[in-house]
Amino acid sequence: MRKIVLASTSPYRRNLLKQLEIPFVVSAPLYIEEIDQGIAPELLVKHLAFGKAQSLARHFTDSLIIGSDQVFVDPRRRILGKPSGRQEAIQQLQAMIGQPHTFYTGVTVFDAESGESASDYSEFSVTLRPLSVEQIEAYVDRENPFDCAGAFRVEGLGIALMEKMEGDDYNSLIGLPLIKLTALLERFGVEVL
């Protein structure tokens, strides 16, 4: 099997990829993410995922490199990323109450040997239940979700914030759409099963 590299510093993505039971190594991408409000979110996350994967090609010349990135979009179609701190996290969560917000998660498999790549994305919508400011603050103070788009971790205490979740692959909400990734890996000869 080809060497597989996950271009990510995210422990959440690493844990998700472990579910596929394929050997891989992890390396921090050499790529600076920039959110451009003028680009459609589904294209933006594919671009960011590609940039992360491609950024490691010089260091892993014979490998398949996986990149992934995520943004979320509010009802006014503004693209938002990770909160910069406690206050922004609280504001992001307050804005999500009672209104669906859509998370877009892009994934790329980049073949460093041939230069070929394949990308896809997944959408997942969430709506938070009615919450008081005190509940939101308690959540933020307990979870410190500053490394997550949307300021919550659905795989942790964040599930207690939810009223409704919709999408094809809940893994995309955590940060790596495994259904899409499995299909992309098959294009490059990696059969998970």
N, C-alpha and C. Protein backbone atom coordinates (compact mmCIF):
# COMPACT_ATOMS: atom_id res chain seq x y z
N MET A 1 0.85 -1.18 0.00
CA MET A 1 0.00 0.00 0.00
C MET A 1 0.90 1.25 0.00
N ARG A 2 0.45 2.25 -0.71
CA ARG A 2 1.18 3.53 -0.75
C ARG A 2 1.20 4.16 0.63
N LYS A 3 2.23 4.93 0.91
CA LYS A 3 2.29 5.68 2.15
C LYS A 3 1.21 6.75 2.11
N ILE A 4 0.47 6.88 3.20
CA ILE A 4 -0.59 7.87 3.30
C ILE A 4 -0.21 8.88 4.38
N VAL A 5 -0.37 10.15 4.05
CA VAL A 5 -0.03 11.24 4.97
C VAL A 5 -1.28 12.08 5.19
N LEU A 6 -1.57 12.35 6.43
CA LEU A 6 -2.65 13.27 6.77
C LEU A 6 -2.02 14.63 7.03
N ALA A 7 -2.35 15.61 6.17
CA ALA A 7 -1.80 16.96 6.31
C ALA A 7 -2.67 17.74 7.28
N SER A 8 -2.42 17.54 8.56
CA SER A 8 -3.27 18.16 9.57
C SER A 8 -2.60 18.13 10.94
N THR A 9 -2.90 19.13 11.74
CA THR A 9 -2.50 19.13 13.14
C THR A 9 -3.69 18.81 14.04
N SER A 10 -4.84 18.56 13.44
CA SER A 10 -6.07 18.33 14.19
C SER A 10 -6.12 16.92 14.79
N PRO A 11 -6.25 16.83 16.11
CA PRO A 11 -6.41 15.50 16.71
C PRO A 11 -7.75 14.87 16.32
N TYR A 12 -8.74 15.69 15.99
CA TYR A 12 -10.06 15.18 15.59
C TYR A 12 -9.97 14.48 14.24
N ARG A 13 -9.26 15.10 13.29
CA ARG A 13 -9.09 14.46 11.98
C ARG A 13 -8.27 13.19 12.10
N ARG A 14 -7.24 13.23 12.92
CA ARG A 14 -6.40 12.04 13.12
C ARG A 14 -7.25 10.89 13.66
N ASN A 15 -8.08 11.17 14.66
CA ASN A 15 -8.92 10.11 15.24
C ASN A 15 -9.95 9.60 14.23
N LEU A 16 -10.48 10.48 13.41
CA LEU A 16 -11.43 10.03 12.38
C LEU A 16 -10.75 9.12 11.38
N LEU A 17 -9.57 9.51 10.90
CA LEU A 17 -8.88 8.68 9.91
C LEU A 17 -8.52 7.31 10.48
N LYS A 18 -8.25 7.23 11.77
CA LYS A 18 -7.97 5.94 12.40
C LYS A 18 -9.13 4.97 12.23
N GLN A 19 -10.35 5.48 12.13
CA GLN A 19 -11.52 4.62 11.98
C GLN A 19 -11.45 3.77 10.71
N LEU A 20 -10.74 4.26 9.68
CA LEU A 20 -10.64 3.51 8.43
C LEU A 20 -9.62 2.37 8.51
N GLU A 21 -8.88 2.31 9.60
CA GLU A 21 -7.92 1.23 9.84
C GLU A 21 -6.91 1.05 8.72
N ILE A 22 -6.43 2.17 8.20
CA ILE A 22 -5.35 2.14 7.22
C ILE A 22 -4.14 2.84 7.85
N PRO A 23 -2.94 2.35 7.56
CA PRO A 23 -1.75 3.00 8.14
C PRO A 23 -1.54 4.39 7.53
N PHE A 24 -1.17 5.35 8.39
CA PHE A 24 -0.90 6.70 7.91
C PHE A 24 0.02 7.40 8.90
N VAL A 25 0.64 8.45 8.41
CA VAL A 25 1.43 9.33 9.26
C VAL A 25 0.79 10.71 9.20
N VAL A 26 1.13 11.54 10.17
CA VAL A 26 0.57 12.88 10.26
C VAL A 26 1.69 13.90 10.13
N SER A 27 1.42 14.96 9.39
CA SER A 27 2.39 16.05 9.27
C SER A 27 1.63 17.37 9.16
N ALA A 28 2.16 18.39 9.80
CA ALA A 28 1.53 19.71 9.74
C ALA A 28 1.65 20.27 8.33
N PRO A 29 0.55 20.74 7.77
CA PRO A 29 0.63 21.32 6.42
C PRO A 29 1.45 22.61 6.44
N LEU A 30 2.09 22.88 5.33
CA LEU A 30 2.89 24.10 5.18
C LEU A 30 2.08 25.09 4.34
N TYR A 31 0.94 25.44 4.85
CA TYR A 31 -0.04 26.22 4.08
C TYR A 31 -0.74 27.18 5.02
N ILE A 32 -0.90 28.40 4.57
CA ILE A 32 -1.61 29.41 5.35
C ILE A 32 -3.02 29.55 4.81
N GLU A 33 -3.99 29.27 5.66
CA GLU A 33 -5.40 29.34 5.26
C GLU A 33 -5.85 30.80 5.20
N GLU A 34 -6.58 31.11 4.15
CA GLU A 34 -7.19 32.44 4.03
C GLU A 34 -8.64 32.24 3.60
N ILE A 35 -9.54 32.86 4.35
CA ILE A 35 -10.96 32.78 4.01
C ILE A 35 -11.32 33.96 3.13
N ASP A 36 -11.77 33.66 1.93
CA ASP A 36 -12.17 34.68 0.96
C ASP A 36 -13.69 34.66 0.86
N GLN A 37 -14.33 35.73 1.33
CA GLN A 37 -15.80 35.82 1.31
C GLN A 37 -16.37 35.82 -0.10
N GLY A 38 -15.54 36.08 -1.09
CA GLY A 38 -16.01 36.14 -2.47
C GLY A 38 -16.07 34.79 -3.16
N ILE A 39 -15.62 33.75 -2.49
CA ILE A 39 -15.62 32.41 -3.09
C ILE A 39 -16.72 31.59 -2.44
N ALA A 40 -17.46 30.84 -3.23
CA ALA A 40 -18.51 29.96 -2.70
C ALA A 40 -17.88 28.99 -1.71
N PRO A 41 -18.56 28.74 -0.58
CA PRO A 41 -17.94 27.91 0.47
C PRO A 41 -17.55 26.51 0.02
N GLU A 42 -18.32 25.90 -0.87
CA GLU A 42 -17.96 24.56 -1.33
C GLU A 42 -16.67 24.58 -2.16
N LEU A 43 -16.44 25.65 -2.89
CA LEU A 43 -15.19 25.78 -3.63
C LEU A 43 -14.04 26.16 -2.71
N LEU A 44 -14.33 27.03 -1.75
CA LEU A 44 -13.30 27.47 -0.81
C LEU A 44 -12.72 26.30 -0.02
N VAL A 45 -13.57 25.43 0.53
CA VAL A 45 -13.03 24.33 1.34
C VAL A 45 -12.27 23.32 0.49
N LYS A 46 -12.69 23.14 -0.76
CA LYS A 46 -11.92 22.26 -1.64
C LYS A 46 -10.55 22.88 -1.94
N HIS A 47 -10.53 24.17 -2.15
CA HIS A 47 -9.27 24.88 -2.41
C HIS A 47 -8.34 24.79 -1.19
N LEU A 48 -8.89 25.03 0.00
CA LEU A 48 -8.08 24.96 1.22
C LEU A 48 -7.56 23.54 1.46
N ALA A 49 -8.41 22.55 1.25
CA ALA A 49 -7.99 21.15 1.43
C ALA A 49 -6.88 20.80 0.45
N PHE A 50 -7.03 21.22 -0.80
CA PHE A 50 -5.99 20.98 -1.80
C PHE A 50 -4.68 21.65 -1.40
N GLY A 51 -4.77 22.91 -0.97
CA GLY A 51 -3.58 23.64 -0.56
C GLY A 51 -2.82 22.95 0.55
N LYS A 52 -3.55 22.44 1.53
CA LYS A 52 -2.91 21.72 2.63
C LYS A 52 -2.22 20.45 2.12
N ALA A 53 -2.91 19.68 1.31
CA ALA A 53 -2.34 18.42 0.82
C ALA A 53 -1.13 18.68 -0.08
N GLN A 54 -1.28 19.59 -1.01
CA GLN A 54 -0.22 19.87 -1.97
C GLN A 54 1.01 20.48 -1.29
N SER A 55 0.81 21.16 -0.17
CA SER A 55 1.93 21.83 0.52
C SER A 55 2.98 20.85 1.04
N LEU A 56 2.63 19.59 1.18
CA LEU A 56 3.58 18.60 1.70
C LEU A 56 4.20 17.72 0.62
N ALA A 57 3.89 17.99 -0.64
CA ALA A 57 4.34 17.13 -1.73
C ALA A 57 5.86 17.01 -1.81
N ARG A 58 6.59 18.08 -1.54
CA ARG A 58 8.06 18.04 -1.60
C ARG A 58 8.65 17.14 -0.52
N HIS A 59 7.93 17.01 0.60
CA HIS A 59 8.45 16.25 1.73
C HIS A 59 8.04 14.78 1.72
N PHE A 60 7.00 14.47 0.96
CA PHE A 60 6.49 13.09 0.89
C PHE A 60 6.26 12.75 -0.58
N THR A 61 7.35 12.65 -1.33
CA THR A 61 7.28 12.57 -2.79
C THR A 61 6.61 11.31 -3.35
N ASP A 62 6.54 10.26 -2.57
CA ASP A 62 5.96 9.01 -3.07
C ASP A 62 4.63 8.69 -2.38
N SER A 63 4.00 9.67 -1.79
CA SER A 63 2.84 9.42 -0.92
C SER A 63 1.53 9.95 -1.48
N LEU A 64 0.46 9.42 -0.91
CA LEU A 64 -0.87 10.00 -1.09
C LEU A 64 -1.09 10.89 0.13
N ILE A 65 -1.39 12.15 -0.12
CA ILE A 65 -1.51 13.12 0.97
C ILE A 65 -2.96 13.58 1.06
N ILE A 66 -3.50 13.51 2.26
CA ILE A 66 -4.89 13.90 2.51
C ILE A 66 -4.91 15.26 3.17
N GLY A 67 -5.68 16.17 2.58
CA GLY A 67 -5.89 17.48 3.18
C GLY A 67 -7.37 17.69 3.41
N SER A 68 -7.70 18.43 4.44
CA SER A 68 -9.11 18.71 4.74
C SER A 68 -9.21 20.06 5.43
N ASP A 69 -10.31 20.76 5.17
CA ASP A 69 -10.56 22.02 5.86
C ASP A 69 -12.05 22.25 5.94
N GLN A 70 -12.43 23.16 6.85
CA GLN A 70 -13.85 23.37 7.14
C GLN A 70 -14.13 24.84 7.41
N VAL A 71 -15.27 25.29 6.93
CA VAL A 71 -15.81 26.59 7.30
C VAL A 71 -17.29 26.38 7.61
N PHE A 72 -17.89 27.38 8.25
CA PHE A 72 -19.33 27.31 8.38
C PHE A 72 -19.94 28.61 7.92
N VAL A 73 -21.18 28.51 7.47
CA VAL A 73 -21.86 29.62 6.82
C VAL A 73 -23.12 29.94 7.59
N ASP A 74 -23.28 31.22 7.91
CA ASP A 74 -24.48 31.63 8.64
C ASP A 74 -25.64 31.85 7.67
N PRO A 75 -26.84 32.09 8.18
CA PRO A 75 -28.00 32.26 7.29
C PRO A 75 -27.87 33.42 6.30
N ARG A 76 -26.99 34.38 6.59
CA ARG A 76 -26.77 35.49 5.66
C ARG A 76 -25.68 35.18 4.65
N ARG A 77 -25.24 33.92 4.62
CA ARG A 77 -24.24 33.41 3.68
C ARG A 77 -22.84 33.96 3.94
N ARG A 78 -22.57 34.40 5.17
CA ARG A 78 -21.22 34.81 5.55
C ARG A 78 -20.43 33.57 5.93
N ILE A 79 -19.21 33.49 5.45
CA ILE A 79 -18.32 32.37 5.76
C ILE A 79 -17.55 32.71 7.03
N LEU A 80 -17.63 31.81 7.99
CA LEU A 80 -16.96 32.01 9.27
C LEU A 80 -16.01 30.84 9.54
N GLY A 81 -14.97 31.13 10.28
CA GLY A 81 -14.01 30.09 10.63
C GLY A 81 -14.00 29.84 12.12
N LYS A 82 -12.83 29.57 12.63
CA LYS A 82 -12.67 29.30 14.06
C LYS A 82 -12.76 30.62 14.83
N PRO A 83 -13.31 30.60 16.02
CA PRO A 83 -13.36 31.83 16.81
C PRO A 83 -11.96 32.23 17.28
N SER A 84 -11.75 33.54 17.39
CA SER A 84 -10.44 34.03 17.81
C SER A 84 -10.24 33.97 19.32
N GLY A 85 -11.32 33.77 20.06
CA GLY A 85 -11.22 33.71 21.51
C GLY A 85 -12.58 33.49 22.13
N ARG A 86 -12.64 33.64 23.45
CA ARG A 86 -13.85 33.34 24.22
C ARG A 86 -15.06 34.16 23.76
N GLN A 87 -14.89 35.47 23.63
CA GLN A 87 -16.03 36.32 23.29
C GLN A 87 -16.58 36.00 21.90
N GLU A 88 -15.69 35.79 20.94
CA GLU A 88 -16.15 35.45 19.59
C GLU A 88 -16.84 34.08 19.58
N ALA A 89 -16.34 33.15 20.37
CA ALA A 89 -16.99 31.83 20.47
C ALA A 89 -18.41 31.98 21.00
N ILE A 90 -18.58 32.77 22.03
CA ILE A 90 -19.91 33.00 22.60
C ILE A 90 -20.82 33.65 21.57
N GLN A 91 -20.31 34.63 20.85
CA GLN A 91 -21.11 35.31 19.82
C GLN A 91 -21.52 34.35 18.70
N GLN A 92 -20.58 33.52 18.26
CA GLN A 92 -20.90 32.55 17.20
C GLN A 92 -22.01 31.61 17.66
N LEU A 93 -21.90 31.12 18.87
CA LEU A 93 -22.91 30.18 19.38
C LEU A 93 -24.26 30.87 19.57
N GLN A 94 -24.28 32.09 20.07
CA GLN A 94 -25.54 32.81 20.23
C GLN A 94 -26.23 33.01 18.88
N ALA A 95 -25.46 33.30 17.85
CA ALA A 95 -26.03 33.53 16.52
C ALA A 95 -26.61 32.26 15.91
N MET A 96 -26.17 31.10 16.39
CA MET A 96 -26.63 29.84 15.82
C MET A 96 -27.95 29.34 16.41
N ILE A 97 -28.40 29.96 17.48
CA ILE A 97 -29.62 29.50 18.14
C ILE A 97 -30.82 29.68 17.21
N GLY A 98 -31.53 28.59 16.99
CA GLY A 98 -32.78 28.61 16.24
C GLY A 98 -32.67 28.80 14.75
N GLN A 99 -31.46 28.90 14.22
CA GLN A 99 -31.28 29.08 12.78
C GLN A 99 -30.28 28.06 12.26
N PRO A 100 -30.56 27.44 11.14
CA PRO A 100 -29.60 26.47 10.62
C PRO A 100 -28.34 27.15 10.09
N HIS A 101 -27.21 26.59 10.44
CA HIS A 101 -25.91 27.00 9.93
C HIS A 101 -25.31 25.79 9.24
N THR A 102 -24.69 26.02 8.10
CA THR A 102 -24.18 24.91 7.31
C THR A 102 -22.66 24.87 7.38
N PHE A 103 -22.15 23.70 7.70
CA PHE A 103 -20.72 23.45 7.71
C PHE A 103 -20.33 22.82 6.39
N TYR A 104 -19.28 23.34 5.79
CA TYR A 104 -18.73 22.80 4.56
C TYR A 104 -17.36 22.26 4.89
N THR A 105 -17.13 21.00 4.56
CA THR A 105 -15.85 20.36 4.84
C THR A 105 -15.30 19.81 3.53
N GLY A 106 -14.15 20.32 3.15
CA GLY A 106 -13.49 19.85 1.93
C GLY A 106 -12.46 18.80 2.24
N VAL A 107 -12.24 17.92 1.27
CA VAL A 107 -11.22 16.88 1.42
C VAL A 107 -10.55 16.66 0.06
N THR A 108 -9.24 16.49 0.10
CA THR A 108 -8.44 16.24 -1.11
C THR A 108 -7.51 15.07 -0.86
N VAL A 109 -7.34 14.25 -1.87
CA VAL A 109 -6.27 13.27 -1.89
C VAL A 109 -5.34 13.70 -3.02
N PHE A 110 -4.09 13.95 -2.66
CA PHE A 110 -3.08 14.42 -3.60
C PHE A 110 -2.01 13.36 -3.75
N ASP A 111 -1.77 12.92 -4.99
CA ASP A 111 -0.72 11.94 -5.27
C ASP A 111 0.56 12.70 -5.56
N ALA A 112 1.46 12.74 -4.60
CA ALA A 112 2.69 13.52 -4.74
C ALA A 112 3.60 12.98 -5.83
N GLU A 113 3.47 11.71 -6.13
CA GLU A 113 4.32 11.11 -7.17
C GLU A 113 3.89 11.56 -8.57
N SER A 114 2.60 11.54 -8.84
CA SER A 114 2.10 11.88 -10.18
C SER A 114 1.61 13.33 -10.29
N GLY A 115 1.33 13.97 -9.17
CA GLY A 115 0.77 15.33 -9.21
C GLY A 115 -0.73 15.35 -9.40
N GLU A 116 -1.35 14.18 -9.50
CA GLU A 116 -2.80 14.12 -9.65
C GLU A 116 -3.48 14.32 -8.30
N SER A 117 -4.70 14.82 -8.36
CA SER A 117 -5.46 14.99 -7.13
C SER A 117 -6.95 14.81 -7.42
N ALA A 118 -7.68 14.58 -6.35
CA ALA A 118 -9.14 14.51 -6.43
C ALA A 118 -9.67 15.16 -5.15
N SER A 119 -10.70 15.98 -5.31
CA SER A 119 -11.27 16.71 -4.18
C SER A 119 -12.78 16.57 -4.17
N ASP A 120 -13.35 16.74 -2.99
CA ASP A 120 -14.79 16.73 -2.83
C ASP A 120 -15.12 17.51 -1.56
N TYR A 121 -16.39 17.66 -1.27
CA TYR A 121 -16.79 18.35 -0.05
C TYR A 121 -18.09 17.75 0.45
N SER A 122 -18.37 18.04 1.69
CA SER A 122 -19.59 17.57 2.32
C SER A 122 -20.24 18.74 3.06
N GLU A 123 -21.56 18.75 3.08
CA GLU A 123 -22.32 19.76 3.82
C GLU A 123 -23.01 19.10 5.00
N PHE A 124 -23.09 19.85 6.10
CA PHE A 124 -23.81 19.36 7.27
C PHE A 124 -24.37 20.57 7.99
N SER A 125 -25.67 20.57 8.26
CA SER A 125 -26.32 21.71 8.90
C SER A 125 -26.66 21.40 10.35
N VAL A 126 -26.51 22.42 11.19
CA VAL A 126 -26.86 22.29 12.59
C VAL A 126 -27.68 23.50 13.03
N THR A 127 -28.57 23.25 13.97
CA THR A 127 -29.35 24.30 14.60
C THR A 127 -29.23 24.09 16.10
N LEU A 128 -28.87 25.16 16.81
CA LEU A 128 -28.77 25.05 18.26
C LEU A 128 -30.13 25.26 18.90
N ARG A 129 -30.34 24.58 20.01
CA ARG A 129 -31.58 24.72 20.76
C ARG A 129 -31.56 26.05 21.52
N PRO A 130 -32.69 26.50 22.04
CA PRO A 130 -32.68 27.72 22.85
C PRO A 130 -31.75 27.56 24.06
N LEU A 131 -30.84 28.49 24.22
CA LEU A 131 -29.85 28.44 25.29
C LEU A 131 -29.70 29.83 25.90
N SER A 132 -29.47 29.87 27.19
CA SER A 132 -29.21 31.14 27.85
C SER A 132 -27.74 31.53 27.65
N VAL A 133 -27.44 32.79 27.87
CA VAL A 133 -26.05 33.24 27.80
C VAL A 133 -25.21 32.48 28.80
N GLU A 134 -25.77 32.22 29.98
CA GLU A 134 -25.04 31.48 31.01
C GLU A 134 -24.71 30.06 30.56
N GLN A 135 -25.64 29.41 29.87
CA GLN A 135 -25.38 28.06 29.38
C GLN A 135 -24.27 28.07 28.32
N ILE A 136 -24.33 29.04 27.43
CA ILE A 136 -23.30 29.14 26.39
C ILE A 136 -21.94 29.43 27.02
N GLU A 137 -21.90 30.35 27.96
CA GLU A 137 -20.64 30.66 28.62
C GLU A 137 -20.09 29.45 29.37
N ALA A 138 -20.96 28.72 30.04
CA ALA A 138 -20.52 27.51 30.75
C ALA A 138 -19.95 26.49 29.77
N TYR A 139 -20.60 26.34 28.62
CA TYR A 139 -20.10 25.42 27.61
C TYR A 139 -18.70 25.85 27.13
N VAL A 140 -18.58 27.12 26.75
CA VAL A 140 -17.31 27.63 26.23
C VAL A 140 -16.21 27.49 27.27
N ASP A 141 -16.51 27.78 28.52
CA ASP A 141 -15.50 27.69 29.58
C ASP A 141 -15.09 26.24 29.86
N ARG A 142 -15.99 25.31 29.69
CA ARG A 142 -15.67 23.89 29.94
C ARG A 142 -14.95 23.25 28.76
N GLU A 143 -15.36 23.58 27.55
CA GLU A 143 -14.82 22.91 26.36
C GLU A 143 -13.66 23.65 25.70
N ASN A 144 -13.58 24.97 25.86
CA ASN A 144 -12.56 25.78 25.16
C ASN A 144 -12.52 25.42 23.67
N PRO A 145 -13.63 25.59 22.96
CA PRO A 145 -13.73 25.12 21.57
C PRO A 145 -13.17 26.11 20.54
N PHE A 146 -12.03 26.69 20.83
CA PHE A 146 -11.48 27.73 19.96
C PHE A 146 -10.80 27.19 18.71
N ASP A 147 -10.59 25.89 18.66
CA ASP A 147 -9.96 25.28 17.50
C ASP A 147 -10.98 24.63 16.56
N CYS A 148 -12.25 24.99 16.74
CA CYS A 148 -13.32 24.39 15.94
C CYS A 148 -14.17 25.46 15.26
N ALA A 149 -14.38 25.32 13.97
CA ALA A 149 -15.30 26.21 13.27
C ALA A 149 -16.67 26.07 13.93
N GLY A 150 -17.30 27.20 14.22
CA GLY A 150 -18.60 27.15 14.88
C GLY A 150 -18.52 27.13 16.39
N ALA A 151 -17.34 27.01 16.93
CA ALA A 151 -17.10 27.06 18.37
C ALA A 151 -17.78 25.96 19.16
N PHE A 152 -17.90 24.78 18.57
CA PHE A 152 -18.40 23.65 19.35
C PHE A 152 -17.81 22.35 18.85
N ARG A 153 -17.79 21.38 19.73
CA ARG A 153 -17.33 20.03 19.40
C ARG A 153 -18.51 19.08 19.56
N VAL A 154 -19.04 18.64 18.46
CA VAL A 154 -20.20 17.75 18.53
C VAL A 154 -19.82 16.41 19.15
N GLU A 155 -18.55 16.04 19.07
CA GLU A 155 -18.11 14.77 19.64
C GLU A 155 -17.88 14.89 21.14
N GLY A 156 -18.07 16.07 21.69
CA GLY A 156 -17.94 16.28 23.12
C GLY A 156 -19.23 16.83 23.69
N LEU A 157 -19.09 17.77 24.59
CA LEU A 157 -20.23 18.39 25.25
C LEU A 157 -21.10 19.19 24.28
N GLY A 158 -20.57 19.52 23.12
CA GLY A 158 -21.32 20.29 22.12
C GLY A 158 -22.62 19.64 21.69
N ILE A 159 -22.74 18.33 21.82
CA ILE A 159 -23.99 17.67 21.45
C ILE A 159 -25.14 18.17 22.31
N ALA A 160 -24.86 18.65 23.52
CA ALA A 160 -25.91 19.17 24.41
C ALA A 160 -26.46 20.51 23.93
N LEU A 161 -25.79 21.14 22.97
CA LEU A 161 -26.25 22.41 22.41
C LEU A 161 -27.27 22.22 21.29
N MET A 162 -27.34 21.02 20.75
CA MET A 162 -28.05 20.78 19.50
C MET A 162 -29.57 20.66 19.65
N GLU A 163 -30.24 21.22 18.66
CA GLU A 163 -31.67 21.00 18.47
C GLU A 163 -31.90 20.09 17.28
N LYS A 164 -31.08 20.31 16.22
CA LYS A 164 -31.28 19.55 14.99
C LYS A 164 -29.96 19.48 14.23
N MET A 165 -29.73 18.32 13.60
CA MET A 165 -28.55 18.13 12.76
C MET A 165 -29.00 17.42 11.49
N GLU A 166 -28.47 17.87 10.34
CA GLU A 166 -28.84 17.25 9.07
C GLU A 166 -27.62 17.15 8.17
N GLY A 167 -27.46 16.00 7.54
CA GLY A 167 -26.38 15.83 6.59
C GLY A 167 -26.17 14.37 6.27
N ASP A 168 -25.27 14.13 5.34
CA ASP A 168 -25.01 12.77 4.88
C ASP A 168 -23.93 12.05 5.69
N ASP A 169 -23.02 12.80 6.29
CA ASP A 169 -21.90 12.18 6.99
C ASP A 169 -21.55 13.03 8.20
N TYR A 170 -21.94 12.57 9.39
CA TYR A 170 -21.69 13.35 10.60
C TYR A 170 -20.19 13.56 10.85
N ASN A 171 -19.35 12.71 10.28
CA ASN A 171 -17.90 12.87 10.42
C ASN A 171 -17.42 14.18 9.82
N SER A 172 -18.13 14.66 8.80
CA SER A 172 -17.73 15.93 8.19
C SER A 172 -17.88 17.07 9.19
N LEU A 173 -18.84 16.97 10.08
CA LEU A 173 -19.04 17.99 11.11
C LEU A 173 -17.84 18.02 12.06
N ILE A 174 -17.24 16.87 12.30
CA ILE A 174 -16.07 16.78 13.18
C ILE A 174 -14.81 17.25 12.43
N GLY A 175 -14.81 17.13 11.11
CA GLY A 175 -13.67 17.68 10.37
C GLY A 175 -13.11 16.86 9.23
N LEU A 176 -13.62 15.65 8.99
CA LEU A 176 -13.11 14.83 7.90
C LEU A 176 -14.24 13.96 7.37
N PRO A 177 -14.75 14.26 6.18
CA PRO A 177 -15.86 13.48 5.63
C PRO A 177 -15.40 12.10 5.15
N LEU A 178 -15.55 11.12 6.02
CA LEU A 178 -15.01 9.79 5.74
C LEU A 178 -15.69 9.10 4.56
N ILE A 179 -16.95 9.34 4.35
CA ILE A 179 -17.63 8.73 3.20
C ILE A 179 -17.00 9.23 1.90
N LYS A 180 -16.82 10.54 1.79
CA LYS A 180 -16.19 11.12 0.59
C LYS A 180 -14.73 10.67 0.49
N LEU A 181 -14.02 10.66 1.62
CA LEU A 181 -12.62 10.27 1.61
C LEU A 181 -12.43 8.83 1.15
N THR A 182 -13.28 7.94 1.60
CA THR A 182 -13.18 6.53 1.18
C THR A 182 -13.29 6.41 -0.33
N ALA A 183 -14.23 7.15 -0.92
CA ALA A 183 -14.39 7.12 -2.38
C ALA A 183 -13.17 7.72 -3.08
N LEU A 184 -12.61 8.80 -2.55
CA LEU A 184 -11.43 9.41 -3.15
C LEU A 184 -10.22 8.47 -3.07
N LEU A 185 -10.04 7.82 -1.95
CA LEU A 185 -8.92 6.90 -1.80
C LEU A 185 -9.01 5.75 -2.80
N GLU A 186 -10.24 5.27 -3.05
CA GLU A 186 -10.42 4.18 -4.01
C GLU A 186 -9.96 4.60 -5.40
N ARG A 187 -10.12 5.87 -5.77
CA ARG A 187 -9.64 6.36 -7.06
C ARG A 187 -8.13 6.18 -7.22
N PHE A 188 -7.43 6.18 -6.07
CA PHE A 188 -5.98 6.04 -6.09
C PHE A 188 -5.53 4.64 -5.67
N GLY A 189 -6.45 3.69 -5.74
CA GLY A 189 -6.12 2.29 -5.49
C GLY A 189 -6.08 1.86 -4.04
N VAL A 190 -6.55 2.69 -3.14
CA VAL A 190 -6.57 2.32 -1.72
C VAL A 190 -7.96 1.80 -1.38
N GLU A 191 -8.06 0.50 -1.16
CA GLU A 191 -9.33 -0.12 -0.81
C GLU A 191 -9.39 -0.28 0.69
N VAL A 192 -10.27 0.50 1.32
CA VAL A 192 -10.39 0.45 2.77
C VAL A 192 -10.83 -0.93 3.24
N LEU A 193 -11.74 -1.54 2.52
CA LEU A 193 -12.21 -2.87 2.89
C LEU A 193 -11.41 -3.93 2.13
